[in-house]
Amino acid sequence: MTGKKVPYRIGPRRLGDPAVLVASVGKAMAELGWRPRYTELEDIITTAWQWHRRKPRGFNG
């Protein structure tokens, strides 16, 4: 995807961290008729990485 290694560490839950995280586009799809352009995580990461490489300073750069 990016060709970069991302350092990470798995540890205990921190104070204030939610016990469970859920991500779903279901409500936006049902109420707004919105459809995601990319549905696979690998595609999402790849396209986000490509955008970031083209615009390292974001929209203003």
Protein backbone atom coordinates (compact mmCIF):
# COMPACT_ATOMS: atom_id res chain seq x y z
CA MET A 1 0.00 0.00 0.00
CA THR A 2 2.40 2.71 1.17
CA GLY A 3 5.72 0.88 1.24
CA LYS A 4 6.29 2.35 4.73
CA LYS A 5 6.47 0.55 8.04
CA VAL A 6 4.34 2.09 10.76
CA PRO A 7 5.63 1.52 14.28
CA TYR A 8 2.95 0.51 16.75
CA ARG A 9 2.56 -0.94 20.21
CA ILE A 10 -0.40 -2.86 21.57
CA GLY A 11 -1.12 -2.02 25.17
CA PRO A 12 -3.91 -1.85 27.69
CA ARG A 13 -6.89 0.41 27.16
CA ARG A 14 -6.23 3.96 28.33
CA LEU A 15 -8.47 5.98 30.61
CA GLY A 16 -11.21 7.47 28.44
CA ASP A 17 -10.75 5.03 25.54
CA PRO A 18 -14.05 3.53 24.38
CA ALA A 19 -14.47 -0.18 25.00
CA VAL A 20 -15.66 -0.75 21.43
CA LEU A 21 -15.41 1.25 18.19
CA VAL A 22 -17.78 0.64 15.30
CA ALA A 23 -17.55 2.26 11.87
CA SER A 24 -20.42 1.91 9.48
CA VAL A 25 -21.65 3.90 6.49
CA GLY A 26 -25.10 2.35 6.85
CA LYS A 27 -26.83 5.44 8.25
CA ALA A 28 -25.37 7.78 5.60
CA MET A 29 -26.37 5.32 2.90
CA ALA A 30 -29.90 4.89 4.25
CA GLU A 31 -30.67 8.52 5.07
CA LEU A 32 -28.66 10.41 2.45
CA GLY A 33 -28.39 7.93 -0.37
CA TRP A 34 -24.60 8.33 -0.18
CA ARG A 35 -22.33 5.57 -1.45
CA PRO A 36 -18.61 5.29 -0.69
CA ARG A 37 -16.29 5.41 -3.68
CA TYR A 38 -14.01 2.80 -2.12
CA THR A 39 -15.20 -0.05 0.08
CA GLU A 40 -12.03 -2.09 0.61
CA LEU A 41 -9.62 -0.96 3.34
CA GLU A 42 -6.59 -1.48 1.10
CA ASP A 43 -8.09 0.80 -1.57
CA ILE A 44 -8.98 3.43 1.04
CA ILE A 45 -5.45 3.48 2.45
CA THR A 46 -3.83 3.46 -0.99
CA THR A 47 -5.87 6.38 -2.31
CA ALA A 48 -5.43 8.36 0.92
CA TRP A 49 -1.66 7.80 0.74
CA GLN A 50 -1.55 8.89 -2.91
CA TRP A 51 -3.47 12.08 -2.07
CA HIS A 52 -1.19 12.84 0.87
CA ARG A 53 1.91 12.38 -1.28
CA ARG A 54 0.52 14.85 -3.84
CA LYS A 55 -0.58 17.34 -1.16
CA PRO A 56 1.68 16.92 1.90
CA ARG A 57 0.39 20.21 3.33
CA GLY A 58 -3.25 19.32 2.81
CA PHE A 59 -5.77 21.34 0.85
CA ASN A 60 -3.89 24.60 1.42
CA GLY A 61 -0.51 23.32 0.20
